[in-house]
C-alpha atoms as a PDB file:
ATOM      1  CA  UNK A   1      -5.053 -25.357 -21.903  1.00  0.00           C
ATOM      2  CA  UNK A   2      -5.950 -26.938 -18.759  1.00  0.00           C
ATOM      3  CA  UNK A   3      -8.495 -29.660 -18.931  1.00  0.00           C
ATOM      4  CA  UNK A   4     -10.396 -27.318 -16.219  1.00  0.00           C
ATOM      5  CA  UNK A   5     -10.533 -24.257 -18.676  1.00  0.00           C
ATOM      6  CA  UNK A   6     -11.831 -26.226 -21.614  1.00  0.00           C
ATOM      7  CA  UNK A   7     -15.269 -27.515 -19.886  1.00  0.00           C
ATOM      8  CA  UNK A   8     -18.377 -25.576 -20.540  1.00  0.00           C
ATOM      9  CA  UNK A   9     -20.076 -23.337 -18.142  1.00  0.00           C
ATOM     10  CA  UNK A  10     -21.689 -25.023 -15.128  1.00  0.00           C
ATOM     11  CA  UNK A  11     -25.114 -23.590 -16.069  1.00  0.00           C
ATOM     12  CA  UNK A  12     -24.581 -24.870 -19.681  1.00  0.00           C
ATOM     13  CA  UNK A  13     -23.467 -28.551 -18.312  1.00  0.00           C
ATOM     14  CA  UNK A  14     -26.553 -28.985 -15.721  1.00  0.00           C
ATOM     15  CA  UNK A  15     -29.132 -27.783 -18.852  1.00  0.00           C
ATOM     16  CA  UNK A  16     -27.066 -30.537 -20.938  1.00  0.00           C
ATOM     17  CA  UNK A  17     -27.986 -33.269 -18.018  1.00  0.00           C
ATOM     18  CA  UNK A  18     -31.306 -32.152 -17.643  1.00  0.00           C
ATOM     19  CA  UNK A  19     -32.209 -32.477 -20.996  1.00  0.00           C
ATOM     20  CA  UNK A  20     -30.415 -35.739 -21.300  1.00  0.00           C
ATOM     21  CA  UNK A  21     -32.598 -37.108 -18.323  1.00  0.00           C
ATOM     22  CA  UNK A  22     -35.872 -35.656 -19.591  1.00  0.00           C
ATOM     23  CA  UNK A  23     -35.163 -38.097 -23.262  1.00  0.00           C
ATOM     24  CA  UNK A  24     -34.184 -40.971 -21.365  1.00  0.00           C
ATOM     25  CA  UNK A  25     -36.475 -40.810 -18.174  1.00  0.00           C
ATOM     26  CA  UNK A  26     -39.194 -38.206 -18.604  1.00  0.00           C
ATOM     27  CA  UNK A  27     -41.445 -38.833 -15.959  1.00  0.00           C
ATOM     28  CA  UNK A  28     -39.048 -39.563 -13.095  1.00  0.00           C
ATOM     29  CA  UNK A  29     -37.228 -36.229 -14.338  1.00  0.00           C
ATOM     30  CA  UNK A  30     -40.620 -34.560 -14.026  1.00  0.00           C
ATOM     31  CA  UNK A  31     -40.926 -35.734 -10.861  1.00  0.00           C
ATOM     32  CA  UNK A  32     -38.048 -34.863  -9.393  1.00  0.00           C
ATOM     33  CA  UNK A  33     -37.970 -31.444 -10.576  1.00  0.00           C
ATOM     34  CA  UNK A  34     -41.464 -31.116  -9.135  1.00  0.00           C
ATOM     35  CA  UNK A  35     -40.387 -32.228  -6.064  1.00  0.00           C
ATOM     36  CA  UNK A  36     -37.529 -30.056  -5.755  1.00  0.00           C
ATOM     37  CA  UNK A  37     -39.032 -26.814  -6.822  1.00  0.00           C
ATOM     38  CA  UNK A  38     -41.990 -27.413  -4.517  1.00  0.00           C
ATOM     39  CA  UNK A  39     -39.869 -27.733  -1.442  1.00  0.00           C
ATOM     40  CA  UNK A  40     -37.922 -24.759  -2.687  1.00  0.00           C
ATOM     41  CA  UNK A  41     -41.542 -22.768  -2.870  1.00  0.00           C
ATOM     42  CA  UNK A  42     -42.419 -24.092   0.773  1.00  0.00           C
ATOM     43  CA  UNK A  43     -38.972 -22.519   1.761  1.00  0.00           C
ATOM     44  CA  UNK A  44     -39.282 -19.784   0.240  1.00  0.00           C
ATOM     45  CA  UNK A  45     -42.747 -19.313   2.628  1.00  0.00           C
ATOM     46  CA  UNK A  46     -40.918 -19.551   5.718  1.00  0.00           C
ATOM     47  CA  UNK A  47     -37.989 -17.087   4.402  1.00  0.00           C
ATOM     48  CA  UNK A  48     -40.947 -15.107   3.770  1.00  0.00           C
ATOM     49  CA  UNK A  49     -42.726 -15.282   7.142  1.00  0.00           C
ATOM     50  CA  UNK A  50     -39.695 -14.881   8.809  1.00  0.00           C
ATOM     51  CA  UNK A  51     -38.673 -11.613   7.266  1.00  0.00           C
ATOM     52  CA  UNK A  52     -41.892 -10.085   8.148  1.00  0.00           C
ATOM     53  CA  UNK A  53     -41.634 -10.751  11.950  1.00  0.00           C
ATOM     54  CA  UNK A  54     -40.912  -8.636  14.580  1.00  0.00           C
ATOM     55  CA  UNK A  55     -36.805  -8.742  15.041  1.00  0.00           C
ATOM     56  CA  UNK A  56     -35.807 -10.761  18.100  1.00  0.00           C
ATOM     57  CA  UNK A  57     -38.956 -13.331  17.202  1.00  0.00           C
ATOM     58  CA  UNK A  58     -36.557 -15.490  14.827  1.00  0.00           C
ATOM     59  CA  UNK A  59     -37.927 -19.151  14.524  1.00  0.00           C
ATOM     60  CA  UNK A  60     -35.786 -21.825  12.735  1.00  0.00           C
ATOM     61  CA  UNK A  61     -37.012 -23.299   9.742  1.00  0.00           C
ATOM     62  CA  UNK A  62     -39.431 -26.297   9.871  1.00  0.00           C
ATOM     63  CA  UNK A  63     -38.060 -28.587   7.456  1.00  0.00           C
ATOM     64  CA  UNK A  64     -41.422 -31.058   7.304  1.00  0.00           C
ATOM     65  CA  UNK A  65     -43.188 -28.477   5.441  1.00  0.00           C
ATOM     66  CA  UNK A  66     -40.823 -28.710   2.444  1.00  0.00           C
ATOM     67  CA  UNK A  67     -40.892 -32.219   2.630  1.00  0.00           C
ATOM     68  CA  UNK A  68     -44.472 -32.811   1.902  1.00  0.00           C
ATOM     69  CA  UNK A  69     -44.671 -30.825  -0.810  1.00  0.00           C
ATOM     70  CA  UNK A  70     -41.774 -32.274  -2.272  1.00  0.00           C
ATOM     71  CA  UNK A  71     -43.667 -35.939  -1.837  1.00  0.00           C
ATOM     72  CA  UNK A  72     -46.626 -33.498  -3.317  1.00  0.00           C
ATOM     73  CA  UNK A  73     -44.576 -32.845  -6.289  1.00  0.00           C
ATOM     74  CA  UNK A  74     -42.928 -36.031  -6.775  1.00  0.00           C
ATOM     75  CA  UNK A  75     -46.080 -38.349  -6.585  1.00  0.00           C
ATOM     76  CA  UNK A  76     -48.696 -35.748  -7.925  1.00  0.00           C
ATOM     77  CA  UNK A  77     -47.718 -32.093  -9.422  1.00  0.00           C
ATOM     78  CA  UNK A  78     -44.893 -34.013 -11.585  1.00  0.00           C
ATOM     79  CA  UNK A  79     -46.198 -37.321 -13.207  1.00  0.00           C
ATOM     80  CA  UNK A  80     -50.083 -35.932 -13.264  1.00  0.00           C
ATOM     81  CA  UNK A  81     -48.813 -32.451 -15.209  1.00  0.00           C
ATOM     82  CA  UNK A  82     -46.722 -34.653 -17.481  1.00  0.00           C
ATOM     83  CA  UNK A  83     -50.020 -36.973 -18.448  1.00  0.00           C
ATOM     84  CA  UNK A  84     -52.100 -34.010 -18.641  1.00  0.00           C
ATOM     85  CA  UNK A  85     -50.008 -32.039 -21.431  1.00  0.00           C
ATOM     86  CA  UNK A  86     -49.582 -35.068 -23.386  1.00  0.00           C
ATOM     87  CA  UNK A  87     -53.545 -36.210 -23.079  1.00  0.00           C
ATOM     88  CA  UNK A  88     -54.265 -32.182 -23.761  1.00  0.00           C
ATOM     89  CA  UNK A  89     -52.089 -32.375 -27.163  1.00  0.00           C
ATOM     90  CA  UNK A  90     -53.744 -35.354 -28.012  1.00  0.00           C
ATOM     91  CA  UNK A  91     -57.126 -33.974 -27.021  1.00  0.00           C
ATOM     92  CA  UNK A  92     -57.081 -30.554 -28.951  1.00  0.00           C
ATOM     93  CA  UNK A  93     -54.037 -30.534 -31.462  1.00  0.00           C
ATOM     94  CA  UNK A  94     -52.177 -27.195 -32.167  1.00  0.00           C
ATOM     95  CA  UNK A  95     -54.270 -27.079 -35.726  1.00  0.00           C
ATOM     96  CA  UNK A  96     -57.524 -27.605 -34.123  1.00  0.00           C
ATOM     97  CA  UNK A  97     -60.416 -24.831 -34.659  1.00  0.00           C
ATOM     98  CA  UNK A  98     -59.735 -22.414 -31.384  1.00  0.00           C
ATOM     99  CA  UNK A  99     -57.278 -24.892 -30.073  1.00  0.00           C
ATOM    100  CA  UNK A 100     -55.470 -21.242 -27.612  1.00  0.00           C
ATOM    101  CA  UNK A 101     -59.259 -20.750 -26.209  1.00  0.00           C
ATOM    102  CA  UNK A 102     -59.793 -24.500 -25.842  1.00  0.00           C
ATOM    103  CA  UNK A 103     -56.794 -25.865 -24.371  1.00  0.00           C
ATOM    104  CA  UNK A 104     -57.009 -22.547 -21.671  1.00  0.00           C
ATOM    105  CA  UNK A 105     -60.680 -24.028 -20.911  1.00  0.00           C
ATOM    106  CA  UNK A 106     -60.273 -27.395 -20.192  1.00  0.00           C
ATOM    107  CA  UNK A 107     -56.854 -26.753 -18.135  1.00  0.00           C
ATOM    108  CA  UNK A 108     -58.698 -23.996 -16.223  1.00  0.00           C
ATOM    109  CA  UNK A 109     -62.194 -24.575 -15.517  1.00  0.00           C
ATOM    110  CA  UNK A 110     -61.439 -28.781 -15.990  1.00  0.00           C
ATOM    111  CA  UNK A 111     -58.532 -29.141 -14.483  1.00  0.00           C
ATOM    112  CA  UNK A 112     -57.265 -26.497 -12.224  1.00  0.00           C
ATOM    113  CA  UNK A 113     -60.175 -26.793  -9.369  1.00  0.00           C
ATOM    114  CA  UNK A 114     -60.282 -30.792  -8.847  1.00  0.00           C
ATOM    115  CA  UNK A 115     -56.270 -30.350  -8.878  1.00  0.00           C
ATOM    116  CA  UNK A 116     -56.250 -27.596  -5.797  1.00  0.00           C
ATOM    117  CA  UNK A 117     -58.849 -29.912  -3.991  1.00  0.00           C
ATOM    118  CA  UNK A 118     -56.170 -32.692  -4.169  1.00  0.00           C
ATOM    119  CA  UNK A 119     -53.616 -30.247  -3.594  1.00  0.00           C
ATOM    120  CA  UNK A 120     -55.535 -29.491   0.074  1.00  0.00           C
ATOM    121  CA  UNK A 121     -56.926 -33.166   0.465  1.00  0.00           C
ATOM    122  CA  UNK A 122     -53.096 -34.598   0.175  1.00  0.00           C
ATOM    123  CA  UNK A 123     -51.742 -31.973   1.999  1.00  0.00           C
ATOM    124  CA  UNK A 124     -54.267 -32.742   4.878  1.00  0.00           C
ATOM    125  CA  UNK A 125     -53.173 -36.389   4.863  1.00  0.00           C
ATOM    126  CA  UNK A 126     -49.410 -35.366   5.131  1.00  0.00           C
ATOM    127  CA  UNK A 127     -49.720 -33.441   7.858  1.00  0.00           C
ATOM    128  CA  UNK A 128     -51.960 -36.246   9.625  1.00  0.00           C
ATOM    129  CA  UNK A 129     -54.652 -34.421   9.723  1.00  0.00           C
ATOM    130  CA  UNK A 130     -58.740 -35.860   9.980  1.00  0.00           C
ATOM    131  CA  UNK A 131     -61.406 -35.097   7.530  1.00  0.00           C
ATOM    132  CA  UNK A 132     -63.073 -32.215   9.616  1.00  0.00           C
ATOM    133  CA  UNK A 133     -59.886 -30.697   9.537  1.00  0.00           C
ATOM    134  CA  UNK A 134     -60.108 -31.057   5.386  1.00  0.00           C
ATOM    135  CA  UNK A 135     -63.280 -30.153   5.303  1.00  0.00           C
ATOM    136  CA  UNK A 136     -62.905 -26.898   7.282  1.00  0.00           C
ATOM    137  CA  UNK A 137     -59.745 -25.980   5.370  1.00  0.00           C
ATOM    138  CA  UNK A 138     -62.036 -26.522   1.913  1.00  0.00           C
ATOM    139  CA  UNK A 139     -64.770 -24.322   3.170  1.00  0.00           C
ATOM    140  CA  UNK A 140     -62.115 -21.610   4.872  1.00  0.00           C
ATOM    141  CA  UNK A 141     -59.879 -21.795   2.215  1.00  0.00           C
ATOM    142  CA  UNK A 142     -60.289 -23.026  -1.286  1.00  0.00           C
ATOM    143  CA  UNK A 143     -62.528 -20.904  -2.850  1.00  0.00           C
ATOM    144  CA  UNK A 144     -60.239 -17.824  -2.243  1.00  0.00           C
ATOM    145  CA  UNK A 145     -56.965 -19.867  -3.700  1.00  0.00           C
ATOM    146  CA  UNK A 146     -59.357 -21.013  -6.411  1.00  0.00           C
ATOM    147  CA  UNK A 147     -60.094 -17.451  -7.595  1.00  0.00           C
ATOM    148  CA  UNK A 148     -55.834 -16.518  -6.976  1.00  0.00           C
ATOM    149  CA  UNK A 149     -55.151 -19.810  -9.099  1.00  0.00           C
ATOM    150  CA  UNK A 150     -57.299 -18.751 -11.615  1.00  0.00           C
ATOM    151  CA  UNK A 151     -55.348 -14.935 -11.405  1.00  0.00           C
ATOM    152  CA  UNK A 152     -52.381 -15.947 -11.416  1.00  0.00           C
ATOM    153  CA  UNK A 153     -52.167 -19.312 -13.488  1.00  0.00           C
ATOM    154  CA  UNK A 154     -54.556 -18.344 -16.460  1.00  0.00           C
ATOM    155  CA  UNK A 155     -51.855 -15.818 -18.515  1.00  0.00           C
ATOM    156  CA  UNK A 156     -49.112 -18.416 -17.150  1.00  0.00           C
ATOM    157  CA  UNK A 157     -50.915 -21.511 -18.779  1.00  0.00           C
ATOM    158  CA  UNK A 158     -51.655 -19.621 -21.941  1.00  0.00           C
ATOM    159  CA  UNK A 159     -48.131 -19.460 -22.693  1.00  0.00           C
ATOM    160  CA  UNK A 160     -47.916 -23.023 -21.169  1.00  0.00           C
ATOM    161  CA  UNK A 161     -50.013 -24.889 -23.128  1.00  0.00           C
ATOM    162  CA  UNK A 162     -49.788 -23.176 -26.446  1.00  0.00           C
ATOM    163  CA  UNK A 163     -46.576 -21.776 -26.650  1.00  0.00           C
ATOM    164  CA  UNK A 164     -43.948 -23.877 -24.559  1.00  0.00           C
ATOM    165  CA  UNK A 165     -42.637 -27.445 -26.186  1.00  0.00           C
ATOM    166  CA  UNK A 166     -44.358 -30.087 -24.874  1.00  0.00           C
ATOM    167  CA  UNK A 167     -41.118 -31.499 -23.435  1.00  0.00           C
ATOM    168  CA  UNK A 168     -40.823 -28.078 -21.271  1.00  0.00           C
ATOM    169  CA  UNK A 169     -44.246 -27.799 -19.747  1.00  0.00           C
ATOM    170  CA  UNK A 170     -43.994 -29.144 -16.541  1.00  0.00           C
ATOM    171  CA  UNK A 171     -40.695 -27.414 -15.865  1.00  0.00           C
ATOM    172  CA  UNK A 172     -42.054 -24.226 -16.922  1.00  0.00           C
ATOM    173  CA  UNK A 173     -44.806 -24.872 -15.128  1.00  0.00           C
ATOM    174  CA  UNK A 174     -42.950 -26.095 -12.167  1.00  0.00           C
ATOM    175  CA  UNK A 175     -41.005 -22.772 -11.826  1.00  0.00           C
ATOM    176  CA  UNK A 176     -43.913 -20.389 -11.642  1.00  0.00           C
ATOM    177  CA  UNK A 177     -45.203 -22.901  -8.964  1.00  0.00           C
ATOM    178  CA  UNK A 178     -42.268 -22.389  -7.233  1.00  0.00           C
ATOM    179  CA  UNK A 179     -44.223 -18.890  -6.082  1.00  0.00           C
ATOM    180  CA  UNK A 180     -47.378 -20.689  -6.151  1.00  0.00           C
ATOM    181  CA  UNK A 181     -46.397 -22.766  -3.716  1.00  0.00           C
ATOM    182  CA  UNK A 182     -44.725 -20.190  -1.258  1.00  0.00           C
ATOM    183  CA  UNK A 183     -48.676 -18.804  -1.388  1.00  0.00           C
ATOM    184  CA  UNK A 184     -50.628 -21.667  -0.990  1.00  0.00           C
ATOM    185  CA  UNK A 185     -47.890 -22.883   1.650  1.00  0.00           C
ATOM    186  CA  UNK A 186     -48.342 -19.021   3.116  1.00  0.00           C
ATOM    187  CA  UNK A 187     -52.871 -19.440   3.138  1.00  0.00           C
ATOM    188  CA  UNK A 188     -52.140 -23.639   4.628  1.00  0.00           C
ATOM    189  CA  UNK A 189     -50.910 -21.341   7.805  1.00  0.00           C
ATOM    190  CA  UNK A 190     -54.109 -19.238   8.072  1.00  0.00           C
END
């Protein structure tokens, strides 16, 4: 049998590499995966927007948006989520009374609202806009985005904080966030 035929399939090799990196450098691995998936979410938003346009009005992809989302994912989403899930595990252990509900409430009511403010603030800075633009974005989009966050993320986070193994919670959230960031990127353009 040739060496090429004895290699495991590519997805299995990638998973093994990811698991190794997750063990060796969990924070960096989660930050990098957040960056990649956040950027892909922004690209997905552009692809969806392009598909809705009339034929002949094609516009090239703007790579500055995915770059901003990658920066946000790498510096904020990955690291903050990593530490949040570790802290939540200590704050409300799985065997605590009503742990399933308490964990969800902490995430949805105490973490989600300021995390969304952070998103709008950082994106405002990365776009080079002033404080008045941030204030206007908060006034025009925050409440709608928060309500959508609660609708979309509540069932996801119920599963994530209660049933997904701790080391995979950031990745699980990032996979769902791929579509969430596509949504956020689309409302940032409104």
